[in-house]
Amino acid sequence: MRTWNDLSLIQKLLIGLFIAFAAFAGPEMMFLIDIGGIELAFGALAMYFKPLLVWLQPKINWLSSQIQIIKIGFLNSAVLQPKVFTTHAVFCSVAMILTGSIVLSVGFFLPALLANGMLV
């Protein structure tokens, strides 16, 4: 365990800013810092933010599972299959040359490229 004097200036500033924010959010922190010191203030902050962490943890787990599902879907899509990607890229380029519109060519062929794995 490092003491306060062993911390660098940046670490002291970050801890000070965190305590200042906590004192703004909960005015009782100023009293705890004055009476008990920084250790008591951090202990009180841990207890103070525990309900927030309990509320936030299922949401973080849900978000990480959704990101994992998106990652698996993207890895199994046609975007990473060279044969399909090359075919779609050639048709998209031909459509862009013929129509002169990037929006039309990408708007028409990009959904087919992304949904190709679901259709097969």
C-alpha atoms as a PDB file:
ATOM      1  CA  MET A   1       0.000   0.000   0.000  1.00  0.00           C
ATOM      2  CA  ARG A   2       1.425   3.354  -1.024  1.00  0.00           C
ATOM      3  CA  THR A   3       1.109   6.392   1.165  1.00  0.00           C
ATOM      4  CA  TRP A   4      -0.098   9.791   0.037  1.00  0.00           C
ATOM      5  CA  ASN A   5       3.458  11.150  -0.100  1.00  0.00           C
ATOM      6  CA  ASP A   6       4.549   8.347  -2.453  1.00  0.00           C
ATOM      7  CA  LEU A   7       1.948   9.230  -5.087  1.00  0.00           C
ATOM      8  CA  SER A   8       2.874  11.278  -8.128  1.00  0.00           C
ATOM      9  CA  LEU A   9       1.437  14.735  -8.721  1.00  0.00           C
ATOM     10  CA  ILE A  10      -0.958  13.457 -11.403  1.00  0.00           C
ATOM     11  CA  GLN A  11      -2.269  10.715  -9.103  1.00  0.00           C
ATOM     12  CA  LYS A  12      -2.791  13.248  -6.322  1.00  0.00           C
ATOM     13  CA  LEU A  13      -4.650  15.550  -8.718  1.00  0.00           C
ATOM     14  CA  LEU A  14      -6.892  12.731  -9.958  1.00  0.00           C
ATOM     15  CA  ILE A  15      -7.735  11.627  -6.426  1.00  0.00           C
ATOM     16  CA  GLY A  16      -8.345  15.241  -5.421  1.00  0.00           C
ATOM     17  CA  LEU A  17     -10.665  15.814  -8.380  1.00  0.00           C
ATOM     18  CA  PHE A  18     -12.529  12.606  -7.587  1.00  0.00           C
ATOM     19  CA  ILE A  19     -12.972  13.646  -3.965  1.00  0.00           C
ATOM     20  CA  ALA A  20     -14.045  17.151  -5.042  1.00  0.00           C
ATOM     21  CA  PHE A  21     -16.670  15.647  -7.344  1.00  0.00           C
ATOM     22  CA  ALA A  22     -17.814  13.333  -4.574  1.00  0.00           C
ATOM     23  CA  ALA A  23     -18.004  16.273  -2.153  1.00  0.00           C
ATOM     24  CA  PHE A  24     -20.142  18.112  -4.675  1.00  0.00           C
ATOM     25  CA  ALA A  25     -22.391  15.059  -5.111  1.00  0.00           C
ATOM     26  CA  GLY A  26     -22.530  14.308  -1.387  1.00  0.00           C
ATOM     27  CA  PRO A  27     -21.701  17.211   0.965  1.00  0.00           C
ATOM     28  CA  GLU A  28     -21.085  14.850   3.875  1.00  0.00           C
ATOM     29  CA  MET A  29     -17.776  13.919   2.212  1.00  0.00           C
ATOM     30  CA  MET A  30     -16.240  17.249   3.252  1.00  0.00           C
ATOM     31  CA  PHE A  31     -17.041  16.477   6.885  1.00  0.00           C
ATOM     32  CA  LEU A  32     -15.640  12.939   6.600  1.00  0.00           C
ATOM     33  CA  ILE A  33     -12.413  14.191   5.016  1.00  0.00           C
ATOM     34  CA  ASP A  34     -12.022  16.789   7.761  1.00  0.00           C
ATOM     35  CA  ILE A  35     -12.671  14.337  10.607  1.00  0.00           C
ATOM     36  CA  GLY A  36     -11.373  10.984   9.362  1.00  0.00           C
ATOM     37  CA  GLY A  37      -9.037  11.709   6.500  1.00  0.00           C
ATOM     38  CA  ILE A  38      -8.823  10.424   2.977  1.00  0.00           C
ATOM     39  CA  GLU A  39      -9.126   6.732   3.972  1.00  0.00           C
ATOM     40  CA  LEU A  40     -12.465   7.257   5.667  1.00  0.00           C
ATOM     41  CA  ALA A  41     -13.679   9.303   2.713  1.00  0.00           C
ATOM     42  CA  PHE A  42     -12.824   6.510   0.267  1.00  0.00           C
ATOM     43  CA  GLY A  43     -14.524   3.955   2.499  1.00  0.00           C
ATOM     44  CA  ALA A  44     -17.631   6.109   2.666  1.00  0.00           C
ATOM     45  CA  LEU A  45     -17.541   6.609  -1.107  1.00  0.00           C
ATOM     46  CA  ALA A  46     -17.422   2.852  -1.608  1.00  0.00           C
ATOM     47  CA  MET A  47     -20.516   2.454   0.559  1.00  0.00           C
ATOM     48  CA  TYR A  48     -22.160   5.525  -0.979  1.00  0.00           C
ATOM     49  CA  PHE A  49     -21.848   4.274  -4.565  1.00  0.00           C
ATOM     50  CA  LYS A  50     -22.614   0.592  -3.858  1.00  0.00           C
ATOM     51  CA  PRO A  51     -26.333   0.875  -4.798  1.00  0.00           C
ATOM     52  CA  LEU A  52     -25.352   2.583  -8.037  1.00  0.00           C
ATOM     53  CA  LEU A  53     -22.940  -0.225  -8.869  1.00  0.00           C
ATOM     54  CA  VAL A  54     -25.555  -2.869  -8.031  1.00  0.00           C
ATOM     55  CA  TRP A  55     -28.039  -1.107 -10.336  1.00  0.00           C
ATOM     56  CA  LEU A  56     -25.463  -0.611 -13.085  1.00  0.00           C
ATOM     57  CA  GLN A  57     -23.966  -4.134 -13.133  1.00  0.00           C
ATOM     58  CA  PRO A  58     -26.882  -5.900 -14.961  1.00  0.00           C
ATOM     59  CA  LYS A  59     -26.935  -3.140 -17.561  1.00  0.00           C
ATOM     60  CA  ILE A  60     -23.203  -3.530 -18.173  1.00  0.00           C
ATOM     61  CA  ASN A  61     -23.631  -7.315 -18.480  1.00  0.00           C
ATOM     62  CA  TRP A  62     -26.510  -6.858 -20.950  1.00  0.00           C
ATOM     63  CA  LEU A  63     -24.468  -4.417 -23.026  1.00  0.00           C
ATOM     64  CA  SER A  64     -21.453  -6.729 -23.132  1.00  0.00           C
ATOM     65  CA  SER A  65     -23.661  -9.652 -24.218  1.00  0.00           C
ATOM     66  CA  GLN A  66     -25.195  -7.513 -26.980  1.00  0.00           C
ATOM     67  CA  ILE A  67     -21.730  -6.505 -28.161  1.00  0.00           C
ATOM     68  CA  GLN A  68     -20.732 -10.184 -28.180  1.00  0.00           C
ATOM     69  CA  ILE A  69     -23.817 -11.084 -30.267  1.00  0.00           C
ATOM     70  CA  ILE A  70     -23.033  -8.300 -32.749  1.00  0.00           C
ATOM     71  CA  LYS A  71     -19.417  -9.453 -32.945  1.00  0.00           C
ATOM     72  CA  ILE A  72     -20.428 -13.066 -33.643  1.00  0.00           C
ATOM     73  CA  GLY A  73     -22.963 -11.927 -36.240  1.00  0.00           C
ATOM     74  CA  PHE A  74     -20.391  -9.762 -37.972  1.00  0.00           C
ATOM     75  CA  LEU A  75     -17.762 -12.516 -37.972  1.00  0.00           C
ATOM     76  CA  ASN A  76     -20.267 -14.935 -39.548  1.00  0.00           C
ATOM     77  CA  SER A  77     -21.566 -12.466 -42.126  1.00  0.00           C
ATOM     78  CA  ALA A  78     -20.624 -12.305 -45.763  1.00  0.00           C
ATOM     79  CA  VAL A  79     -18.419  -9.284 -45.170  1.00  0.00           C
ATOM     80  CA  LEU A  80     -15.565 -11.561 -44.106  1.00  0.00           C
ATOM     81  CA  GLN A  81     -16.036 -14.093 -46.930  1.00  0.00           C
ATOM     82  CA  PRO A  82     -13.691 -12.975 -49.734  1.00  0.00           C
ATOM     83  CA  LYS A  83     -15.683 -14.536 -52.588  1.00  0.00           C
ATOM     84  CA  VAL A  84     -18.950 -12.865 -51.622  1.00  0.00           C
ATOM     85  CA  PHE A  85     -17.297  -9.593 -50.691  1.00  0.00           C
ATOM     86  CA  THR A  86     -15.427  -9.377 -53.992  1.00  0.00           C
ATOM     87  CA  THR A  87     -18.588 -10.070 -55.995  1.00  0.00           C
ATOM     88  CA  HIS A  88     -20.575  -7.431 -54.136  1.00  0.00           C
ATOM     89  CA  ALA A  89     -17.734  -4.914 -54.332  1.00  0.00           C
ATOM     90  CA  VAL A  90     -17.473  -5.392 -58.115  1.00  0.00           C
ATOM     91  CA  PHE A  91     -21.230  -4.972 -58.603  1.00  0.00           C
ATOM     92  CA  CYS A  92     -21.222  -1.921 -56.322  1.00  0.00           C
ATOM     93  CA  SER A  93     -18.379  -0.381 -58.326  1.00  0.00           C
ATOM     94  CA  VAL A  94     -20.145  -1.105 -61.632  1.00  0.00           C
ATOM     95  CA  ALA A  95     -23.363   0.413 -60.285  1.00  0.00           C
ATOM     96  CA  MET A  96     -21.453   3.492 -59.146  1.00  0.00           C
ATOM     97  CA  ILE A  97     -19.854   3.879 -62.567  1.00  0.00           C
ATOM     98  CA  LEU A  98     -23.148   3.376 -64.424  1.00  0.00           C
ATOM     99  CA  THR A  99     -25.338   5.547 -62.193  1.00  0.00           C
ATOM    100  CA  GLY A 100     -22.731   8.042 -60.994  1.00  0.00           C
ATOM    101  CA  SER A 101     -24.243   7.899 -57.520  1.00  0.00           C
ATOM    102  CA  ILE A 102     -22.375   6.462 -54.566  1.00  0.00           C
ATOM    103  CA  VAL A 103     -25.509   6.672 -52.423  1.00  0.00           C
ATOM    104  CA  LEU A 104     -27.547   4.593 -54.872  1.00  0.00           C
ATOM    105  CA  SER A 105     -24.904   1.920 -55.358  1.00  0.00           C
ATOM    106  CA  VAL A 106     -23.985   1.582 -51.684  1.00  0.00           C
ATOM    107  CA  GLY A 107     -27.605   1.883 -50.565  1.00  0.00           C
ATOM    108  CA  PHE A 108     -28.635  -0.935 -52.873  1.00  0.00           C
ATOM    109  CA  PHE A 109     -25.756  -3.384 -52.462  1.00  0.00           C
ATOM    110  CA  LEU A 110     -24.673  -2.834 -48.859  1.00  0.00           C
ATOM    111  CA  PRO A 111     -27.845  -4.302 -47.288  1.00  0.00           C
ATOM    112  CA  ALA A 112     -27.516  -7.338 -49.547  1.00  0.00           C
ATOM    113  CA  LEU A 113     -23.903  -7.734 -48.462  1.00  0.00           C
ATOM    114  CA  LEU A 114     -24.750  -7.530 -44.771  1.00  0.00           C
ATOM    115  CA  ALA A 115     -27.867  -9.720 -44.988  1.00  0.00           C
ATOM    116  CA  ASN A 116     -26.338 -12.340 -47.261  1.00  0.00           C
ATOM    117  CA  GLY A 117     -25.296 -14.535 -44.339  1.00  0.00           C
ATOM    118  CA  MET A 118     -28.861 -14.576 -43.032  1.00  0.00           C
ATOM    119  CA  LEU A 119     -30.371 -15.481 -46.391  1.00  0.00           C
ATOM    120  CA  VAL A 120     -28.165 -18.494 -47.095  1.00  0.00           C
END
